[in-house]
Structures are given as C-alpha cells and as structure tokens.
Amino acid sequence: MKKICLLLGITLLLQSCYSYKKVEVNPKTMVLGQTYKIERNHKTSKVVYTSNADSAIIVLKHGVEERIPLKDITSAREGKFSLAKTLVWVPVTIIGLTVLFIYGTGDYDSE
C-alpha cells in the first residue's frame, strides 16, 4: 500500500504546468528565449532558442549552447505556461497527497 501511495504521490507531483503546441520549424517565426521541445533522430530535447545561423538554429540545452541543423529537426513544439493546468493540478495534487497520506499510513484490518 505504501508503494502505491508513493508512486501516485510522485505522479501527481510531476505534473507539468506547461502545454506544448506543435509549430513550424522556421527561425524567422521562432521567439528568442522561448522554450521548445525539438525532436531529432527520434529523441526529444527541451531547449531554449537563442539565435539562428545559416541553416541551423542555436539553442541552449542544459545551459550549453548547441547548434542544430534545420534538416535534422523532425518536429518542434512551443512551450506555453498554462494557467488552467496550474489552477487545476496544484489543488488536486495537495488534496490527493493528503488523502493518500491519511489512508496510506493507517492500519486497517480486513476482518
């Protein structure tokens, strides 16, 4: 029971307050400083767009500047802060963890 409560608690805590919308990979329309999820070679990376070069974009990935050729990018999604998700998930998480804590720590007999 404790393992289930722990797993559900971690799941609730890891909910994101951001929504990602698919966008066209075009350096002219990409917003400087915006967070994007870039997919290339079947791997997704969360990056911050900083500038563009000849046929590539320059991004920050884990604080390190990286050059990604446009031809390698299969899809891009733009991150937007979602107030609705935040207003729903924060109270749900608090209530859910409280309920899990109350019922997860009690000793109940099956008789």
PDB file of N, CA and C in Angstrom:
ATOM      1  N   MET A   1       0.816  -1.192   0.000  1.00  0.00           N
ATOM      2  CA  MET A   1       0.000   0.000   0.000  1.00  0.00           C
ATOM      3  C   MET A   1       0.862   1.258   0.000  1.00  0.00           C
ATOM      4  N   LYS A   2       1.944   1.203   0.792  1.00  0.00           N
ATOM      5  CA  LYS A   2       2.820   2.374   0.860  1.00  0.00           C
ATOM      6  C   LYS A   2       3.485   2.641  -0.484  1.00  0.00           C
ATOM      7  N   LYS A   3       3.831   1.570  -1.208  1.00  0.00           N
ATOM      8  CA  LYS A   3       4.466   1.739  -2.526  1.00  0.00           C
ATOM      9  C   LYS A   3       3.494   2.379  -3.516  1.00  0.00           C
ATOM     10  N   ILE A   4       2.242   1.976  -3.458  1.00  0.00           N
ATOM     11  CA  ILE A   4       1.231   2.549  -4.347  1.00  0.00           C
ATOM     12  C   ILE A   4       1.041   4.026  -4.028  1.00  0.00           C
ATOM     13  N   CYS A   5       0.968   4.356  -2.737  1.00  0.00           N
ATOM     14  CA  CYS A   5       0.804   5.763  -2.324  1.00  0.00           C
ATOM     15  C   CYS A   5       1.997   6.591  -2.782  1.00  0.00           C
ATOM     16  N   LEU A   6       3.189   6.046  -2.624  1.00  0.00           N
ATOM     17  CA  LEU A   6       4.396   6.757  -3.044  1.00  0.00           C
ATOM     18  C   LEU A   6       4.390   6.974  -4.556  1.00  0.00           C
ATOM     19  N   LEU A   7       4.047   5.957  -5.310  1.00  0.00           N
ATOM     20  CA  LEU A   7       4.006   6.064  -6.774  1.00  0.00           C
ATOM     21  C   LEU A   7       2.971   7.093  -7.226  1.00  0.00           C
ATOM     22  N   LEU A   8       1.792   7.058  -6.642  1.00  0.00           N
ATOM     23  CA  LEU A   8       0.756   8.029  -7.001  1.00  0.00           C
ATOM     24  C   LEU A   8       1.158   9.441  -6.587  1.00  0.00           C
ATOM     25  N   GLY A   9       1.796   9.573  -5.434  1.00  0.00           N
ATOM     26  CA  GLY A   9       2.261  10.886  -4.981  1.00  0.00           C
ATOM     27  C   GLY A   9       3.289  11.476  -5.924  1.00  0.00           C
ATOM     28  N   ILE A  10       4.243  10.672  -6.354  1.00  0.00           N
ATOM     29  CA  ILE A  10       5.268  11.145  -7.293  1.00  0.00           C
ATOM     30  C   ILE A  10       4.630  11.511  -8.618  1.00  0.00           C
ATOM     31  N   THR A  11       3.685  10.712  -9.081  1.00  0.00           N
ATOM     32  CA  THR A  11       2.994  11.004 -10.338  1.00  0.00           C
ATOM     33  C   THR A  11       2.266  12.342 -10.264  1.00  0.00           C
ATOM     34  N   LEU A  12       1.592  12.596  -9.167  1.00  0.00           N
ATOM     35  CA  LEU A  12       0.879  13.862  -9.018  1.00  0.00           C
ATOM     36  C   LEU A  12       1.841  15.041  -8.952  1.00  0.00           C
ATOM     37  N   LEU A  13       2.980  14.866  -8.291  1.00  0.00           N
ATOM     38  CA  LEU A  13       3.939  15.961  -8.158  1.00  0.00           C
ATOM     39  C   LEU A  13       4.630  16.309  -9.473  1.00  0.00           C
ATOM     40  N   LEU A  14       4.733  15.358 -10.364  1.00  0.00           N
ATOM     41  CA  LEU A  14       5.460  15.585 -11.610  1.00  0.00           C
ATOM     42  C   LEU A  14       4.587  16.118 -12.747  1.00  0.00           C
ATOM     43  N   GLN A  15       3.386  16.529 -12.445  1.00  0.00           N
ATOM     44  CA  GLN A  15       2.524  17.103 -13.475  1.00  0.00           C
ATOM     45  C   GLN A  15       3.085  18.450 -13.916  1.00  0.00           C
ATOM     46  N   SER A  16       3.023  18.712 -15.192  1.00  0.00           N
ATOM     47  CA  SER A  16       3.583  19.933 -15.754  1.00  0.00           C
ATOM     48  C   SER A  16       2.541  21.043 -15.841  1.00  0.00           C
ATOM     49  N   CYS A  17       2.996  22.258 -15.631  1.00  0.00           N
ATOM     50  CA  CYS A  17       2.116  23.423 -15.773  1.00  0.00           C
ATOM     51  C   CYS A  17       2.278  24.045 -17.159  1.00  0.00           C
ATOM     52  N   TYR A  18       2.967  23.356 -18.037  1.00  0.00           N
ATOM     53  CA  TYR A  18       3.192  23.857 -19.387  1.00  0.00           C
ATOM     54  C   TYR A  18       2.468  22.989 -20.403  1.00  0.00           C
ATOM     55  N   SER A  19       1.994  23.621 -21.461  1.00  0.00           N
ATOM     56  CA  SER A  19       1.414  22.917 -22.597  1.00  0.00           C
ATOM     57  C   SER A  19       2.322  23.167 -23.792  1.00  0.00           C
ATOM     58  N   TYR A  20       2.463  22.181 -24.630  1.00  0.00           N
ATOM     59  CA  TYR A  20       3.312  22.327 -25.810  1.00  0.00           C
ATOM     60  C   TYR A  20       2.476  22.215 -27.064  1.00  0.00           C
ATOM     61  N   LYS A  21       2.625  23.213 -27.956  1.00  0.00           N
ATOM     62  CA  LYS A  21       1.859  23.295 -29.191  1.00  0.00           C
ATOM     63  C   LYS A  21       2.826  23.105 -30.355  1.00  0.00           C
ATOM     64  N   LYS A  22       2.450  22.255 -31.296  1.00  0.00           N
ATOM     65  CA  LYS A  22       3.304  21.993 -32.453  1.00  0.00           C
ATOM     66  C   LYS A  22       3.420  23.256 -33.304  1.00  0.00           C
ATOM     67  N   VAL A  23       4.653  23.590 -33.700  1.00  0.00           N
ATOM     68  CA  VAL A  23       4.911  24.766 -34.528  1.00  0.00           C
ATOM     69  C   VAL A  23       5.802  24.387 -35.696  1.00  0.00           C
ATOM     70  N   GLU A  24       5.799  25.236 -36.703  1.00  0.00           N
ATOM     71  CA  GLU A  24       6.658  25.043 -37.863  1.00  0.00           C
ATOM     72  C   GLU A  24       8.094  25.408 -37.487  1.00  0.00           C
ATOM     73  N   VAL A  25       9.034  24.627 -37.965  1.00  0.00           N
ATOM     74  CA  VAL A  25      10.444  24.904 -37.680  1.00  0.00           C
ATOM     75  C   VAL A  25      10.922  25.968 -38.658  1.00  0.00           C
ATOM     76  N   ASN A  26      10.808  27.223 -38.241  1.00  0.00           N
ATOM     77  CA  ASN A  26      11.204  28.351 -39.066  1.00  0.00           C
ATOM     78  C   ASN A  26      11.862  29.381 -38.145  1.00  0.00           C
ATOM     79  N   PRO A  27      13.168  29.602 -38.300  1.00  0.00           N
ATOM     80  CA  PRO A  27      13.859  30.547 -37.417  1.00  0.00           C
ATOM     81  C   PRO A  27      13.267  31.957 -37.424  1.00  0.00           C
ATOM     82  N   LYS A  28      12.604  32.340 -38.515  1.00  0.00           N
ATOM     83  CA  LYS A  28      12.019  33.683 -38.594  1.00  0.00           C
ATOM     84  C   LYS A  28      10.810  33.835 -37.670  1.00  0.00           C
ATOM     85  N   THR A  29      10.110  32.733 -37.399  1.00  0.00           N
ATOM     86  CA  THR A  29       8.926  32.805 -36.550  1.00  0.00           C
ATOM     87  C   THR A  29       9.187  32.341 -35.118  1.00  0.00           C
ATOM     88  N   MET A  30      10.340  31.756 -34.867  1.00  0.00           N
ATOM     89  CA  MET A  30      10.670  31.289 -33.519  1.00  0.00           C
ATOM     90  C   MET A  30      10.998  32.493 -32.623  1.00  0.00           C
ATOM     91  N   VAL A  31      10.566  32.431 -31.387  1.00  0.00           N
ATOM     92  CA  VAL A  31      10.715  33.538 -30.446  1.00  0.00           C
ATOM     93  C   VAL A  31      11.989  33.355 -29.626  1.00  0.00           C
ATOM     94  N   LEU A  32      12.794  34.405 -29.582  1.00  0.00           N
ATOM     95  CA  LEU A  32      14.039  34.389 -28.819  1.00  0.00           C
ATOM     96  C   LEU A  32      13.749  34.167 -27.330  1.00  0.00           C
ATOM     97  N   GLY A  33      14.462  33.230 -26.704  1.00  0.00           N
ATOM     98  CA  GLY A  33      14.283  32.955 -25.285  1.00  0.00           C
ATOM     99  C   GLY A  33      13.137  32.018 -24.962  1.00  0.00           C
ATOM    100  N   GLN A  34      12.384  31.594 -25.968  1.00  0.00           N
ATOM    101  CA  GLN A  34      11.238  30.698 -25.778  1.00  0.00           C
ATOM    102  C   GLN A  34      11.728  29.253 -25.634  1.00  0.00           C
ATOM    103  N   THR A  35      11.032  28.476 -24.811  1.00  0.00           N
ATOM    104  CA  THR A  35      11.350  27.058 -24.636  1.00  0.00           C
ATOM    105  C   THR A  35      10.625  26.248 -25.713  1.00  0.00           C
ATOM    106  N   TYR A  36      11.375  25.326 -26.323  1.00  0.00           N
ATOM    107  CA  TYR A  36      10.825  24.443 -27.348  1.00  0.00           C
ATOM    108  C   TYR A  36      11.219  23.010 -27.042  1.00  0.00           C
ATOM    109  N   LYS A  37      10.365  22.084 -27.464  1.00  0.00           N
ATOM    110  CA  LYS A  37      10.733  20.673 -27.452  1.00  0.00           C
ATOM    111  C   LYS A  37      11.040  20.329 -28.901  1.00  0.00           C
ATOM    112  N   ILE A  38      12.299  19.992 -29.157  1.00  0.00           N
ATOM    113  CA  ILE A  38      12.765  19.699 -30.508  1.00  0.00           C
ATOM    114  C   ILE A  38      12.967  18.192 -30.634  1.00  0.00           C
ATOM    115  N   GLU A  39      12.411  17.608 -31.689  1.00  0.00           N
ATOM    116  CA  GLU A  39      12.616  16.183 -31.938  1.00  0.00           C
ATOM    117  C   GLU A  39      13.549  16.009 -33.126  1.00  0.00           C
ATOM    118  N   ARG A  40      14.592  15.225 -32.897  1.00  0.00           N
ATOM    119  CA  ARG A  40      15.515  14.873 -33.979  1.00  0.00           C
ATOM    120  C   ARG A  40      16.113  13.518 -33.674  1.00  0.00           C
ATOM    121  N   ASN A  41      16.310  12.730 -34.710  1.00  0.00           N
ATOM    122  CA  ASN A  41      16.836  11.364 -34.572  1.00  0.00           C
ATOM    123  C   ASN A  41      16.039  10.554 -33.537  1.00  0.00           C
ATOM    124  N   HIS A  42      14.730  10.724 -33.539  1.00  0.00           N
ATOM    125  CA  HIS A  42      13.815  10.009 -32.640  1.00  0.00           C
ATOM    126  C   HIS A  42      14.071  10.314 -31.166  1.00  0.00           C
ATOM    127  N   LYS A  43      14.695  11.434 -30.868  1.00  0.00           N
ATOM    128  CA  LYS A  43      14.919  11.861 -29.486  1.00  0.00           C
ATOM    129  C   LYS A  43      14.374  13.272 -29.316  1.00  0.00           C
ATOM    130  N   THR A  44      13.735  13.512 -28.182  1.00  0.00           N
ATOM    131  CA  THR A  44      13.175  14.833 -27.895  1.00  0.00           C
ATOM    132  C   THR A  44      14.043  15.550 -26.878  1.00  0.00           C
ATOM    133  N   SER A  45      14.340  16.815 -27.154  1.00  0.00           N
ATOM    134  CA  SER A  45      15.144  17.635 -26.249  1.00  0.00           C
ATOM    135  C   SER A  45      14.386  18.907 -25.917  1.00  0.00           C
ATOM    136  N   LYS A  46      14.479  19.327 -24.668  1.00  0.00           N
ATOM    137  CA  LYS A  46      13.884  20.587 -24.239  1.00  0.00           C
ATOM    138  C   LYS A  46      14.995  21.632 -24.320  1.00  0.00           C
ATOM    139  N   VAL A  47      14.788  22.643 -25.163  1.00  0.00           N
ATOM    140  CA  VAL A  47      15.827  23.636 -25.430  1.00  0.00           C
ATOM    141  C   VAL A  47      15.247  25.052 -25.364  1.00  0.00           C
ATOM    142  N   VAL A  48      16.145  26.026 -25.229  1.00  0.00           N
ATOM    143  CA  VAL A  48      15.763  27.437 -25.274  1.00  0.00           C
ATOM    144  C   VAL A  48      16.398  28.037 -26.523  1.00  0.00           C
ATOM    145  N   TYR A  49      15.575  28.605 -27.390  1.00  0.00           N
ATOM    146  CA  TYR A  49      16.038  29.187 -28.652  1.00  0.00           C
ATOM    147  C   TYR A  49      16.790  30.485 -28.384  1.00  0.00           C
ATOM    148  N   THR A  50      18.025  30.597 -28.927  1.00  0.00           N
ATOM    149  CA  THR A  50      18.813  31.813 -28.709  1.00  0.00           C
ATOM    150  C   THR A  50      19.072  32.589 -29.999  1.00  0.00           C
ATOM    151  N   SER A  51      19.346  31.900 -31.100  1.00  0.00           N
ATOM    152  CA  SER A  51      19.572  32.596 -32.377  1.00  0.00           C
ATOM    153  C   SER A  51      19.584  31.577 -33.507  1.00  0.00           C
ATOM    154  N   ASN A  52      19.832  32.092 -34.720  1.00  0.00           N
ATOM    155  CA  ASN A  52      19.927  31.181 -35.863  1.00  0.00           C
ATOM    156  C   ASN A  52      21.197  31.466 -36.650  1.00  0.00           C
ATOM    157  N   ALA A  53      21.665  30.438 -37.341  1.00  0.00           N
ATOM    158  CA  ALA A  53      22.842  30.544 -38.203  1.00  0.00           C
ATOM    159  C   ALA A  53      22.380  30.211 -39.620  1.00  0.00           C
ATOM    160  N   ASP A  54      23.308  29.928 -40.511  1.00  0.00           N
ATOM    161  CA  ASP A  54      22.997  29.682 -41.928  1.00  0.00           C
ATOM    162  C   ASP A  54      21.771  28.787 -42.109  1.00  0.00           C
ATOM    163  N   SER A  55      21.919  27.530 -41.847  1.00  0.00           N
ATOM    164  CA  SER A  55      20.800  26.595 -41.998  1.00  0.00           C
ATOM    165  C   SER A  55      20.644  25.795 -40.705  1.00  0.00           C
ATOM    166  N   ALA A  56      20.778  26.505 -39.591  1.00  0.00           N
ATOM    167  CA  ALA A  56      20.684  25.858 -38.282  1.00  0.00           C
ATOM    168  C   ALA A  56      20.136  26.853 -37.263  1.00  0.00           C
ATOM    169  N   ILE A  57      19.762  26.316 -36.114  1.00  0.00           N
ATOM    170  CA  ILE A  57      19.355  27.174 -35.006  1.00  0.00           C
ATOM    171  C   ILE A  57      20.338  26.956 -33.858  1.00  0.00           C
ATOM    172  N   ILE A  58      20.543  28.004 -33.078  1.00  0.00           N
ATOM    173  CA  ILE A  58      21.407  27.928 -31.913  1.00  0.00           C
ATOM    174  C   ILE A  58      20.506  27.904 -30.686  1.00  0.00           C
ATOM    175  N   VAL A  59      20.696  26.896 -29.836  1.00  0.00           N
ATOM    176  CA  VAL A  59      19.850  26.728 -28.663  1.00  0.00           C
ATOM    177  C   VAL A  59      20.702  26.470 -27.426  1.00  0.00           C
ATOM    178  N   LEU A  60      20.082  26.670 -26.282  1.00  0.00           N
ATOM    179  CA  LEU A  60      20.705  26.282 -25.014  1.00  0.00           C
ATOM    180  C   LEU A  60      20.050  24.992 -24.552  1.00  0.00           C
ATOM    181  N   LYS A  61      20.873  23.981 -24.321  1.00  0.00           N
ATOM    182  CA  LYS A  61      20.377  22.698 -23.823  1.00  0.00           C
ATOM    183  C   LYS A  61      21.167  22.376 -22.559  1.00  0.00           C
ATOM    184  N   HIS A  62      20.497  22.381 -21.430  1.00  0.00           N
ATOM    185  CA  HIS A  62      21.133  22.170 -20.123  1.00  0.00           C
ATOM    186  C   HIS A  62      22.242  23.190 -19.880  1.00  0.00           C
ATOM    187  N   GLY A  63      22.032  24.430 -20.328  1.00  0.00           N
ATOM    188  CA  GLY A  63      22.989  25.501 -20.104  1.00  0.00           C
ATOM    189  C   GLY A  63      24.158  25.520 -21.069  1.00  0.00           C
ATOM    190  N   VAL A  64      24.185  24.596 -22.024  1.00  0.00           N
ATOM    191  CA  VAL A  64      25.272  24.514 -23.005  1.00  0.00           C
ATOM    192  C   VAL A  64      24.726  24.898 -24.376  1.00  0.00           C
ATOM    193  N   GLU A  65      25.426  25.799 -25.056  1.00  0.00           N
ATOM    194  CA  GLU A  65      24.991  26.232 -26.385  1.00  0.00           C
ATOM    195  C   GLU A  65      25.220  25.111 -27.391  1.00  0.00           C
ATOM    196  N   GLU A  66      24.217  24.872 -28.215  1.00  0.00           N
ATOM    197  CA  GLU A  66      24.284  23.790 -29.198  1.00  0.00           C
ATOM    198  C   GLU A  66      23.728  24.279 -30.532  1.00  0.00           C
ATOM    199  N   ARG A  67      24.330  23.831 -31.608  1.00  0.00           N
ATOM    200  CA  ARG A  67      23.896  24.186 -32.970  1.00  0.00           C
ATOM    201  C   ARG A  67      23.156  22.982 -33.547  1.00  0.00           C
ATOM    202  N   ILE A  68      21.894  23.193 -33.946  1.00  0.00           N
ATOM    203  CA  ILE A  68      21.082  22.110 -34.502  1.00  0.00           C
ATOM    204  C   ILE A  68      20.740  22.440 -35.951  1.00  0.00           C
ATOM    205  N   PRO A  69      21.213  21.632 -36.902  1.00  0.00           N
ATOM    206  CA  PRO A  69      20.854  21.863 -38.306  1.00  0.00           C
ATOM    207  C   PRO A  69      19.347  21.702 -38.519  1.00  0.00           C
ATOM    208  N   LEU A  70      18.763  22.589 -39.320  1.00  0.00           N
ATOM    209  CA  LEU A  70      17.320  22.549 -39.580  1.00  0.00           C
ATOM    210  C   LEU A  70      16.891  21.238 -40.226  1.00  0.00           C
ATOM    211  N   LYS A  71      17.760  20.666 -41.052  1.00  0.00           N
ATOM    212  CA  LYS A  71      17.396  19.425 -41.747  1.00  0.00           C
ATOM    213  C   LYS A  71      17.269  18.238 -40.787  1.00  0.00           C
ATOM    214  N   ASP A  72      17.887  18.332 -39.602  1.00  0.00           N
ATOM    215  CA  ASP A  72      17.824  17.240 -38.625  1.00  0.00           C
ATOM    216  C   ASP A  72      16.565  17.282 -37.754  1.00  0.00           C
ATOM    217  N   ILE A  73      15.878  18.412 -37.743  1.00  0.00           N
ATOM    218  CA  ILE A  73      14.709  18.573 -36.876  1.00  0.00           C
ATOM    219  C   ILE A  73      13.477  17.990 -37.556  1.00  0.00           C
ATOM    220  N   THR A  74      12.844  17.020 -36.879  1.00  0.00           N
ATOM    221  CA  THR A  74      11.632  16.411 -37.447  1.00  0.00           C
ATOM    222  C   THR A  74      10.373  17.110 -36.960  1.00  0.00           C
ATOM    223  N   SER A  75      10.384  17.632 -35.731  1.00  0.00           N
ATOM    224  CA  SER A  75       9.231  18.398 -35.241  1.00  0.00           C
ATOM    225  C   SER A  75       9.672  19.316 -34.107  1.00  0.00           C
ATOM    226  N   ALA A  76       8.871  20.340 -33.893  1.00  0.00           N
ATOM    227  CA  ALA A  76       9.134  21.294 -32.807  1.00  0.00           C
ATOM    228  C   ALA A  76       7.813  21.654 -32.151  1.00  0.00           C
ATOM    229  N   ARG A  77       7.848  21.785 -30.832  1.00  0.00           N
ATOM    230  CA  ARG A  77       6.668  22.196 -30.072  1.00  0.00           C
ATOM    231  C   ARG A  77       7.072  23.342 -29.165  1.00  0.00           C
ATOM    232  N   GLU A  78       6.240  24.368 -29.158  1.00  0.00           N
ATOM    233  CA  GLU A  78       6.498  25.566 -28.376  1.00  0.00           C
ATOM    234  C   GLU A  78       5.825  25.443 -27.005  1.00  0.00           C
ATOM    235  N   GLY A  79       6.571  25.756 -25.949  1.00  0.00           N
ATOM    236  CA  GLY A  79       6.042  25.673 -24.595  1.00  0.00           C
ATOM    237  C   GLY A  79       5.333  26.947 -24.180  1.00  0.00           C
ATOM    238  N   LYS A  80       4.144  26.800 -23.636  1.00  0.00           N
ATOM    239  CA  LYS A  80       3.362  27.926 -23.130  1.00  0.00           C
ATOM    240  C   LYS A  80       2.919  27.594 -21.717  1.00  0.00           C
ATOM    241  N   PHE A  81       3.040  28.564 -20.807  1.00  0.00           N
ATOM    242  CA  PHE A  81       2.575  28.372 -19.448  1.00  0.00           C
ATOM    243  C   PHE A  81       1.058  28.278 -19.459  1.00  0.00           C
ATOM    244  N   SER A  82       0.534  27.246 -18.828  1.00  0.00           N
ATOM    245  CA  SER A  82      -0.907  27.022 -18.810  1.00  0.00           C
ATOM    246  C   SER A  82      -1.466  27.333 -17.424  1.00  0.00           C
ATOM    247  N   LEU A  83      -2.156  28.462 -17.309  1.00  0.00           N
ATOM    248  CA  LEU A  83      -2.760  28.851 -16.046  1.00  0.00           C
ATOM    249  C   LEU A  83      -3.837  27.851 -15.625  1.00  0.00           C
ATOM    250  N   ALA A  84      -4.584  27.339 -16.593  1.00  0.00           N
ATOM    251  CA  ALA A  84      -5.651  26.382 -16.288  1.00  0.00           C
ATOM    252  C   ALA A  84      -5.070  25.110 -15.675  1.00  0.00           C
ATOM    253  N   LYS A  85      -4.003  24.580 -16.259  1.00  0.00           N
ATOM    254  CA  LYS A  85      -3.368  23.382 -15.715  1.00  0.00           C
ATOM    255  C   LYS A  85      -2.847  23.644 -14.304  1.00  0.00           C
ATOM    256  N   THR A  86      -2.273  24.803 -14.107  1.00  0.00           N
ATOM    257  CA  THR A  86      -1.729  25.152 -12.798  1.00  0.00           C
ATOM    258  C   THR A  86      -2.839  25.243 -11.764  1.00  0.00           C
ATOM    259  N   LEU A  87      -3.926  25.924 -12.116  1.00  0.00           N
ATOM    260  CA  LEU A  87      -5.036  26.094 -11.176  1.00  0.00           C
ATOM    261  C   LEU A  87      -5.740  24.781 -10.863  1.00  0.00           C
ATOM    262  N   VAL A  88      -5.682  23.824 -11.784  1.00  0.00           N
ATOM    263  CA  VAL A  88      -6.319  22.530 -11.544  1.00  0.00           C
ATOM    264  C   VAL A  88      -5.368  21.590 -10.808  1.00  0.00           C
ATOM    265  N   TRP A  89      -4.144  21.461 -11.284  1.00  0.00           N
ATOM    266  CA  TRP A  89      -3.241  20.442 -10.749  1.00  0.00           C
ATOM    267  C   TRP A  89      -2.692  20.737  -9.364  1.00  0.00           C
ATOM    268  N   VAL A  90      -2.477  21.982  -9.005  1.00  0.00           N
ATOM    269  CA  VAL A  90      -1.935  22.279  -7.673  1.00  0.00           C
ATOM    270  C   VAL A  90      -2.914  21.848  -6.580  1.00  0.00           C
ATOM    271  N   PRO A  91      -4.184  22.274  -6.611  1.00  0.00           N
ATOM    272  CA  PRO A  91      -5.109  21.810  -5.568  1.00  0.00           C
ATOM    273  C   PRO A  91      -5.358  20.301  -5.615  1.00  0.00           C
ATOM    274  N   VAL A  92      -5.455  19.740  -6.817  1.00  0.00           N
ATOM    275  CA  VAL A  92      -5.680  18.296  -6.948  1.00  0.00           C
ATOM    276  C   VAL A  92      -4.512  17.535  -6.339  1.00  0.00           C
ATOM    277  N   THR A  93      -3.293  18.006  -6.575  1.00  0.00           N
ATOM    278  CA  THR A  93      -2.110  17.358  -6.019  1.00  0.00           C
ATOM    279  C   THR A  93      -2.123  17.440  -4.499  1.00  0.00           C
ATOM    280  N   ILE A  94      -2.417  18.601  -3.952  1.00  0.00           N
ATOM    281  CA  ILE A  94      -2.433  18.769  -2.495  1.00  0.00           C
ATOM    282  C   ILE A  94      -3.503  17.882  -1.866  1.00  0.00           C
ATOM    283  N   ILE A  95      -4.704  17.889  -2.425  1.00  0.00           N
ATOM    284  CA  ILE A  95      -5.792  17.065  -1.889  1.00  0.00           C
ATOM    285  C   ILE A  95      -5.454  15.576  -2.039  1.00  0.00           C
ATOM    286  N   GLY A  96      -4.952  15.210  -3.210  1.00  0.00           N
ATOM    287  CA  GLY A  96      -4.604  13.814  -3.458  1.00  0.00           C
ATOM    288  C   GLY A  96      -3.524  13.301  -2.523  1.00  0.00           C
ATOM    289  N   LEU A  97      -2.481  14.083  -2.314  1.00  0.00           N
ATOM    290  CA  LEU A  97      -1.411  13.661  -1.405  1.00  0.00           C
ATOM    291  C   LEU A  97      -1.906  13.590   0.035  1.00  0.00           C
ATOM    292  N   THR A  98      -2.787  14.508   0.430  1.00  0.00           N
ATOM    293  CA  THR A  98      -3.347  14.480   1.779  1.00  0.00           C
ATOM    294  C   THR A  98      -4.163  13.206   1.990  1.00  0.00           C
ATOM    295  N   VAL A  99      -5.023  12.884   1.033  1.00  0.00           N
ATOM    296  CA  VAL A  99      -5.842  11.676   1.121  1.00  0.00           C
ATOM    297  C   VAL A  99      -4.956  10.436   1.128  1.00  0.00           C
ATOM    298  N   LEU A 100      -3.952  10.398   0.245  1.00  0.00           N
ATOM    299  CA  LEU A 100      -3.053   9.246   0.209  1.00  0.00           C
ATOM    300  C   LEU A 100      -2.289   9.100   1.513  1.00  0.00           C
ATOM    301  N   PHE A 101      -1.880  10.204   2.091  1.00  0.00           N
ATOM    302  CA  PHE A 101      -1.145  10.151   3.352  1.00  0.00           C
ATOM    303  C   PHE A 101      -2.039   9.639   4.480  1.00  0.00           C
ATOM    304  N   ILE A 102      -3.267  10.136   4.538  1.00  0.00           N
ATOM    305  CA  ILE A 102      -4.186   9.724   5.613  1.00  0.00           C
ATOM    306  C   ILE A 102      -4.517   8.239   5.493  1.00  0.00           C
ATOM    307  N   TYR A 103      -4.901   7.797   4.296  1.00  0.00           N
ATOM    308  CA  TYR A 103      -5.287   6.393   4.132  1.00  0.00           C
ATOM    309  C   TYR A 103      -4.094   5.472   3.950  1.00  0.00           C
ATOM    310  N   GLY A 104      -2.958   6.012   3.528  1.00  0.00           N
ATOM    311  CA  GLY A 104      -1.779   5.167   3.309  1.00  0.00           C
ATOM    312  C   GLY A 104      -1.037   4.835   4.579  1.00  0.00           C
ATOM    313  N   THR A 105      -1.214   5.618   5.632  1.00  0.00           N
ATOM    314  CA  THR A 105      -0.480   5.365   6.871  1.00  0.00           C
ATOM    315  C   THR A 105      -1.315   4.625   7.904  1.00  0.00           C
ATOM    316  N   GLY A 106      -2.597   4.487   7.663  1.00  0.00           N
ATOM    317  CA  GLY A 106      -3.470   3.816   8.636  1.00  0.00           C
ATOM    318  C   GLY A 106      -3.354   2.308   8.549  1.00  0.00           C
ATOM    319  N   ASP A 107      -3.560   1.661   9.667  1.00  0.00           N
ATOM    320  CA  ASP A 107      -3.587   0.182   9.719  1.00  0.00           C
ATOM    321  C   ASP A 107      -5.050  -0.245   9.754  1.00  0.00           C
ATOM    322  N   TYR A 108      -5.487  -0.928   8.716  1.00  0.00           N
ATOM    323  CA  TYR A 108      -6.865  -1.358   8.633  1.00  0.00           C
ATOM    324  C   TYR A 108      -6.905  -2.872   8.612  1.00  0.00           C
ATOM    325  N   ASP A 109      -7.774  -3.433   9.412  1.00  0.00           N
ATOM    326  CA  ASP A 109      -7.959  -4.881   9.431  1.00  0.00           C
ATOM    327  C   ASP A 109      -8.985  -5.245   8.373  1.00  0.00           C
ATOM    328  N   SER A 110      -8.783  -6.374   7.749  1.00  0.00           N
ATOM    329  CA  SER A 110      -9.728  -6.821   6.726  1.00  0.00           C
ATOM    330  C   SER A 110     -10.890  -7.597   7.339  1.00  0.00           C
ATOM    331  N   GLU A 111     -10.887  -7.785   8.633  1.00  0.00           N
ATOM    332  CA  GLU A 111     -11.968  -8.527   9.299  1.00  0.00           C
ATOM    333  C   GLU A 111     -13.119  -7.648   9.661  1.00  0.00           C
TER     334      GLU A 111
END
